[in-house]
Amino acid sequence: MTMTTSVNVLNPGASAEAIQHHYDVSNDFYRLWLDPTSTYSSALWEENDNLESAQLRKIDFHINQARAIGAKRVLDVGCGWGSTLKRLVEMHNIDQAVGLTLSKAQAEWIESLNQPQIEVQLKSWSDYLPEEPFDAIISIGAFEHFAKLELSEEQKIERYRTFFQRCHEWLKSSGYMSLQTIVYENSQREDVSQFFAEEIFPESDLPHLAEIAKATEKIFEVVALRNDRKHYERTLRAWLKNLKANRKEAVNLVGERVVARYEKYLSFCIIGFHTGTMNLSRITLRRIDHPRK
């Protein structure tokens, strides 16, 4: 039986075209500077980690926070190239892992894995109607695309609340959700440069932590919160080092202009996380089964 929802999505976030502008540059290009799992979000580091081990630690952290180990069905909203989906079914005994992405390149990559327990849909969460509830939901590095830059604070919170209402409906009783997102910290929307708004992440805006808290009010309990901006700084430095080490091949794949754009973007983000103008929030949420009005 297909689940339905009464929630209206009033103000969409980034369109499929905007997502593809960034994520569909070239799978081969990203594989030059990401780790072997093709994970494109902040890792969770310990002192002697390499990039791959830190990324796997991050994935396992979210799987644990979502209480997803051994679950029947898990949803990954904004699943990237499928590293969390693979980890769920290969290492954590998940019967079915469902991923949502708006990137054609990512969806094609995941389909090429030929994993029968993995299902990927080229679809926004706002258009998704699952056939049955999930035991757990994970969303890593997608929340930044859920609201457009031009929306007011009230419209952003409404948009975010719509997302959390959907997740509340999709989760089983007392189910958990693990969320990772970049947030504004010692900065504000006016600080977003034209370079980022047009060249890197069009139609996207970062949330404030307070907006997330407001959007989850009375439907999710915030169980745990981590600020891991130093972890993102270290991740970005590793990515930039890899890109510079493979620069010639990268230029051959996508051209000088694209490579220079990514070098500039990674360098700017390193400064942002180092200075604390941006933070990385990892949030554990538990479904409130009987919300009070």
Protein backbone atom coordinates (compact mmCIF):
# COMPACT_ATOMS: atom_id res chain seq x y z
CA MET A 1 0.00 0.00 0.00
CA THR A 2 1.42 3.39 -1.00
CA MET A 3 1.72 5.91 1.84
CA THR A 4 0.13 9.31 1.33
CA THR A 5 0.78 12.71 2.84
CA SER A 6 -1.32 15.79 3.44
CA VAL A 7 1.65 18.15 3.58
CA ASN A 8 2.00 20.67 0.75
CA VAL A 9 5.46 21.62 -0.45
CA LEU A 10 5.25 25.37 -1.00
CA ASN A 11 8.80 26.50 -1.64
CA PRO A 12 11.05 24.00 -3.38
CA GLY A 13 14.75 23.82 -2.80
CA ALA A 14 17.40 23.23 -5.43
CA SER A 15 16.06 21.90 -8.73
CA ALA A 16 17.35 18.81 -10.48
CA GLU A 17 19.21 21.07 -12.90
CA ALA A 18 20.93 22.92 -10.04
CA ILE A 19 21.97 19.65 -8.38
CA GLN A 20 23.27 18.25 -11.65
CA HIS A 21 25.26 21.46 -12.25
CA HIS A 22 27.48 20.44 -9.33
CA TYR A 23 27.24 16.69 -8.93
CA ASP A 24 27.14 15.64 -12.57
CA VAL A 25 30.41 17.28 -13.59
CA SER A 26 31.97 13.84 -14.06
CA ASN A 27 32.04 10.70 -11.94
CA ASP A 28 35.66 10.14 -13.00
CA PHE A 29 36.57 13.68 -11.94
CA TYR A 30 35.22 13.19 -8.43
CA ARG A 31 36.95 9.83 -8.11
CA LEU A 32 40.30 11.57 -8.62
CA TRP A 33 40.07 13.42 -5.31
CA LEU A 34 37.45 11.73 -3.15
CA ASP A 35 38.31 8.55 -1.24
CA PRO A 36 37.70 5.08 -2.79
CA THR A 37 34.13 5.00 -1.40
CA SER A 38 33.27 8.20 -3.35
CA THR A 39 31.90 9.85 -0.20
CA TYR A 40 31.35 13.58 -0.72
CA SER A 41 30.73 14.92 2.79
CA SER A 42 32.76 15.53 5.92
CA ALA A 43 34.53 12.52 7.39
CA LEU A 44 34.76 11.68 11.10
CA TRP A 45 38.43 11.63 11.96
CA GLU A 46 40.65 10.02 14.53
CA GLU A 47 44.30 10.98 14.79
CA ASN A 48 45.93 8.40 12.53
CA ASP A 49 43.12 8.00 9.99
CA ASN A 50 43.45 8.16 6.25
CA LEU A 51 40.56 9.67 4.30
CA GLU A 52 38.85 6.37 3.52
CA SER A 53 38.89 5.09 7.10
CA ALA A 54 37.58 8.43 8.36
CA GLN A 55 34.74 8.34 5.85
CA LEU A 56 33.78 4.80 6.82
CA ARG A 57 33.83 5.85 10.48
CA LYS A 58 31.44 8.70 9.61
CA ILE A 59 29.08 6.37 7.75
CA ASP A 60 29.07 3.88 10.63
CA PHE A 61 28.46 6.74 13.07
CA HIS A 62 25.27 7.75 11.27
CA ILE A 63 24.12 4.15 10.90
CA ASN A 64 24.57 3.67 14.64
CA GLN A 65 22.91 6.98 15.51
CA ALA A 66 19.90 6.05 13.36
CA ARG A 67 19.68 2.67 15.13
CA ALA A 68 19.78 1.10 11.68
CA ILE A 69 21.93 -1.97 12.28
CA GLY A 70 19.98 -5.09 11.39
CA ALA A 71 16.95 -3.07 10.27
CA LYS A 72 14.60 -4.17 7.52
CA ARG A 73 14.35 -0.90 5.58
CA VAL A 74 16.51 2.24 5.73
CA LEU A 75 16.14 5.45 3.71
CA ASP A 76 19.11 7.62 2.66
CA VAL A 77 17.95 11.09 1.58
CA GLY A 78 20.58 12.55 -0.71
CA CYS A 79 22.50 9.31 -1.12
CA GLY A 80 25.43 10.56 -3.22
CA TRP A 81 27.32 7.77 -4.98
CA GLY A 82 25.88 5.18 -2.61
CA SER A 83 28.60 4.68 0.00
CA THR A 84 26.11 4.62 2.89
CA LEU A 85 23.74 2.33 0.98
CA LYS A 86 26.59 -0.11 0.27
CA ARG A 87 27.73 -0.04 3.89
CA LEU A 88 24.20 -0.71 5.11
CA VAL A 89 23.69 -3.85 3.06
CA GLU A 90 27.26 -5.20 3.01
CA MET A 91 28.27 -4.62 6.65
CA HIS A 92 25.11 -4.00 8.69
CA ASN A 93 22.63 -6.65 7.52
CA ILE A 94 19.99 -4.32 6.08
CA ASP A 95 17.30 -6.03 4.00
CA GLN A 96 16.60 -2.99 1.82
CA ALA A 97 18.42 0.34 1.54
CA VAL A 98 16.64 3.03 -0.48
CA GLY A 99 18.49 6.11 -1.74
CA LEU A 100 17.12 9.37 -3.15
CA THR A 101 19.17 11.64 -5.40
CA LEU A 102 18.56 14.25 -8.07
CA SER A 103 21.89 13.51 -9.75
CA LYS A 104 21.65 11.33 -12.84
CA ALA A 105 25.35 10.51 -12.63
CA GLN A 106 25.02 9.33 -9.05
CA ALA A 107 21.91 7.24 -9.78
CA GLU A 108 23.60 5.56 -12.73
CA TRP A 109 26.67 4.81 -10.62
CA ILE A 110 24.58 3.20 -7.86
CA GLU A 111 22.61 1.14 -10.38
CA SER A 112 25.90 -0.13 -11.81
CA LEU A 113 26.69 -1.70 -8.43
CA ASN A 114 24.08 -4.38 -9.19
CA GLN A 115 23.13 -4.75 -5.54
CA PRO A 116 19.62 -6.25 -5.31
CA GLN A 117 19.15 -4.93 -1.77
CA ILE A 118 19.84 -1.35 -2.90
CA GLU A 119 17.18 0.76 -4.59
CA VAL A 120 17.96 4.22 -5.93
CA GLN A 121 15.35 6.70 -7.12
CA LEU A 122 16.09 9.80 -9.17
CA LYS A 123 13.67 11.85 -7.16
CA SER A 124 13.40 14.65 -4.62
CA TRP A 125 12.17 13.78 -1.14
CA SER A 126 9.26 16.15 -1.79
CA ASP A 127 8.05 13.87 -4.63
CA TYR A 128 8.72 10.58 -2.90
CA LEU A 129 5.95 8.24 -1.71
CA PRO A 130 7.30 5.08 -0.06
CA GLU A 131 5.27 1.90 -0.19
CA GLU A 132 5.88 1.09 3.48
CA PRO A 133 7.50 2.75 6.51
CA PHE A 134 11.21 2.78 7.26
CA ASP A 135 13.02 1.64 10.40
CA ALA A 136 15.54 4.48 10.12
CA ILE A 137 16.39 7.53 8.00
CA ILE A 138 19.84 8.94 7.26
CA SER A 139 20.59 12.19 5.44
CA ILE A 140 24.20 13.33 5.01
CA GLY A 141 25.10 16.54 3.20
CA ALA A 142 21.77 17.03 1.43
CA PHE A 143 19.95 19.40 3.79
CA GLU A 144 21.96 22.35 2.42
CA HIS A 145 19.98 22.04 -0.83
CA PHE A 146 16.49 22.02 0.70
CA ALA A 147 15.88 25.79 0.67
CA LYS A 148 16.71 28.46 -1.87
CA LEU A 149 18.76 31.51 -0.98
CA GLU A 150 15.96 33.96 -1.68
CA LEU A 151 13.53 32.46 0.86
CA SER A 152 12.79 34.34 4.07
CA GLU A 153 13.61 32.79 7.43
CA GLU A 154 9.95 31.89 7.92
CA GLN A 155 9.76 30.26 4.49
CA LYS A 156 12.96 28.30 5.15
CA ILE A 157 11.61 26.97 8.44
CA GLU A 158 8.36 26.02 6.71
CA ARG A 159 10.32 24.18 4.02
CA TYR A 160 12.44 22.34 6.60
CA ARG A 161 9.39 21.45 8.67
CA THR A 162 7.77 19.96 5.59
CA PHE A 163 10.81 17.71 5.21
CA PHE A 164 10.71 16.62 8.85
CA GLN A 165 6.95 16.03 8.66
CA ARG A 166 7.56 13.73 5.71
CA CYS A 167 10.27 11.87 7.62
CA HIS A 168 7.96 11.61 10.64
CA GLU A 169 5.32 10.02 8.44
CA TRP A 170 7.77 7.63 6.80
CA LEU A 171 9.35 6.38 10.03
CA LYS A 172 8.04 3.58 12.18
CA SER A 173 7.05 4.28 15.78
CA SER A 174 9.93 5.77 17.82
CA GLY A 175 12.22 5.51 14.80
CA TYR A 176 15.49 7.41 14.64
CA MET A 177 16.96 9.74 12.08
CA SER A 178 20.58 10.87 11.71
CA LEU A 179 21.25 14.17 9.94
CA GLN A 180 24.48 15.86 8.86
CA THR A 181 24.52 19.37 7.45
CA ILE A 182 26.70 22.45 7.16
CA VAL A 183 25.17 25.37 9.09
CA TYR A 184 25.74 29.09 9.33
CA GLU A 185 27.64 29.96 12.50
CA ASN A 186 29.52 33.25 12.78
CA SER A 187 28.14 34.36 9.43
CA GLN A 188 24.86 35.13 7.73
CA ARG A 189 23.17 34.77 4.38
CA GLU A 190 24.48 38.13 3.17
CA ASP A 191 28.00 36.70 3.40
CA VAL A 192 27.32 34.13 0.65
CA SER A 193 29.36 35.22 -2.35
CA GLN A 194 28.12 35.37 -5.92
CA PHE A 195 30.77 32.74 -6.68
CA PHE A 196 29.10 30.21 -4.38
CA ALA A 197 25.55 31.17 -5.29
CA GLU A 198 26.10 30.89 -9.04
CA GLU A 199 29.20 28.77 -9.66
CA ILE A 200 29.12 26.14 -6.91
CA PHE A 201 25.72 25.53 -5.31
CA PRO A 202 22.99 27.39 -7.22
CA GLU A 203 19.50 27.51 -5.70
CA SER A 204 20.81 26.42 -2.29
CA ASP A 205 21.18 27.99 1.14
CA LEU A 206 22.65 26.82 4.43
CA PRO A 207 20.39 26.46 7.46
CA HIS A 208 20.92 27.99 10.87
CA LEU A 209 20.90 25.48 13.69
CA ALA A 210 18.00 27.36 15.27
CA GLU A 211 15.94 26.90 12.10
CA ILE A 212 16.44 23.14 12.28
CA ALA A 213 15.41 23.12 15.95
CA LYS A 214 12.28 25.11 15.17
CA ALA A 215 11.40 22.88 12.22
CA THR A 216 11.60 19.70 14.32
CA GLU A 217 9.63 21.08 17.26
CA LYS A 218 7.10 18.57 18.69
CA ILE A 219 7.68 16.01 15.94
CA PHE A 220 11.29 14.98 16.64
CA GLU A 221 13.29 14.92 19.83
CA VAL A 222 16.90 16.09 19.48
CA VAL A 223 18.80 13.25 21.14
CA ALA A 224 22.37 14.31 20.34
CA LEU A 225 24.21 17.14 18.59
CA ARG A 226 27.85 17.44 17.54
CA ASN A 227 29.70 20.40 16.06
CA ASP A 228 32.48 18.90 13.93
CA ARG A 229 33.73 21.83 11.87
CA LYS A 230 37.37 20.83 12.41
CA HIS A 231 36.55 17.45 10.88
CA TYR A 232 35.28 19.17 7.74
CA GLU A 233 38.35 21.36 7.57
CA ARG A 234 40.55 18.27 7.64
CA THR A 235 38.37 16.55 5.03
CA LEU A 236 38.57 19.54 2.70
CA ARG A 237 42.34 19.71 3.05
CA ALA A 238 42.57 16.03 2.07
CA TRP A 239 40.31 16.60 -0.96
CA LEU A 240 42.29 19.63 -2.12
CA LYS A 241 45.58 17.75 -1.71
CA ASN A 242 44.22 14.88 -3.82
CA LEU A 243 42.91 17.24 -6.49
CA LYS A 244 46.25 19.05 -6.77
CA ALA A 245 48.09 15.72 -6.94
CA ASN A 246 45.86 14.63 -9.86
CA ARG A 247 45.45 18.06 -11.43
CA LYS A 248 46.72 17.20 -14.90
CA GLU A 249 44.32 14.28 -15.23
CA ALA A 250 41.49 16.39 -13.82
CA VAL A 251 42.09 19.12 -16.42
CA ASN A 252 42.06 16.50 -19.17
CA LEU A 253 38.67 15.27 -17.91
CA VAL A 254 36.77 18.52 -17.25
CA GLY A 255 38.97 21.42 -18.35
CA GLU A 256 41.04 24.09 -16.62
CA ARG A 257 38.10 26.33 -15.72
CA VAL A 258 36.23 23.63 -13.80
CA VAL A 259 39.33 22.48 -11.92
CA ALA A 260 40.19 26.06 -10.94
CA ARG A 261 36.60 26.56 -9.76
CA TYR A 262 36.81 23.54 -7.49
CA GLU A 263 40.22 24.54 -6.13
CA LYS A 264 38.81 27.95 -5.24
CA TYR A 265 35.69 26.45 -3.67
CA LEU A 266 37.61 23.94 -1.54
CA SER A 267 40.07 26.62 -0.41
CA PHE A 268 37.27 29.01 0.59
CA CYS A 269 35.52 26.28 2.55
CA ILE A 270 38.71 25.41 4.42
CA ILE A 271 38.89 29.02 5.60
CA GLY A 272 35.18 29.01 6.54
CA PHE A 273 35.44 25.94 8.75
CA HIS A 274 38.82 26.95 10.19
CA THR A 275 37.52 30.35 11.31
CA GLY A 276 34.11 29.11 12.46
CA THR A 277 32.05 31.11 10.00
CA MET A 278 30.53 27.73 9.13
CA ASN A 279 29.95 24.71 11.32
CA LEU A 280 29.18 21.07 10.67
CA SER A 281 26.23 19.73 12.65
CA ARG A 282 25.60 16.03 13.17
CA ILE A 283 22.16 15.64 14.75
CA THR A 284 20.44 12.55 16.10
CA LEU A 285 16.64 12.74 16.12
CA ARG A 286 13.99 10.44 17.57
CA ARG A 287 10.45 10.39 16.23
CA ILE A 288 7.84 11.70 18.68
CA ASP A 289 4.98 9.31 18.12
CA HIS A 290 2.17 11.49 19.45
CA PRO A 291 2.93 15.15 18.69
CA ARG A 292 0.96 17.66 20.77
CA LYS A 293 -0.65 20.55 18.97
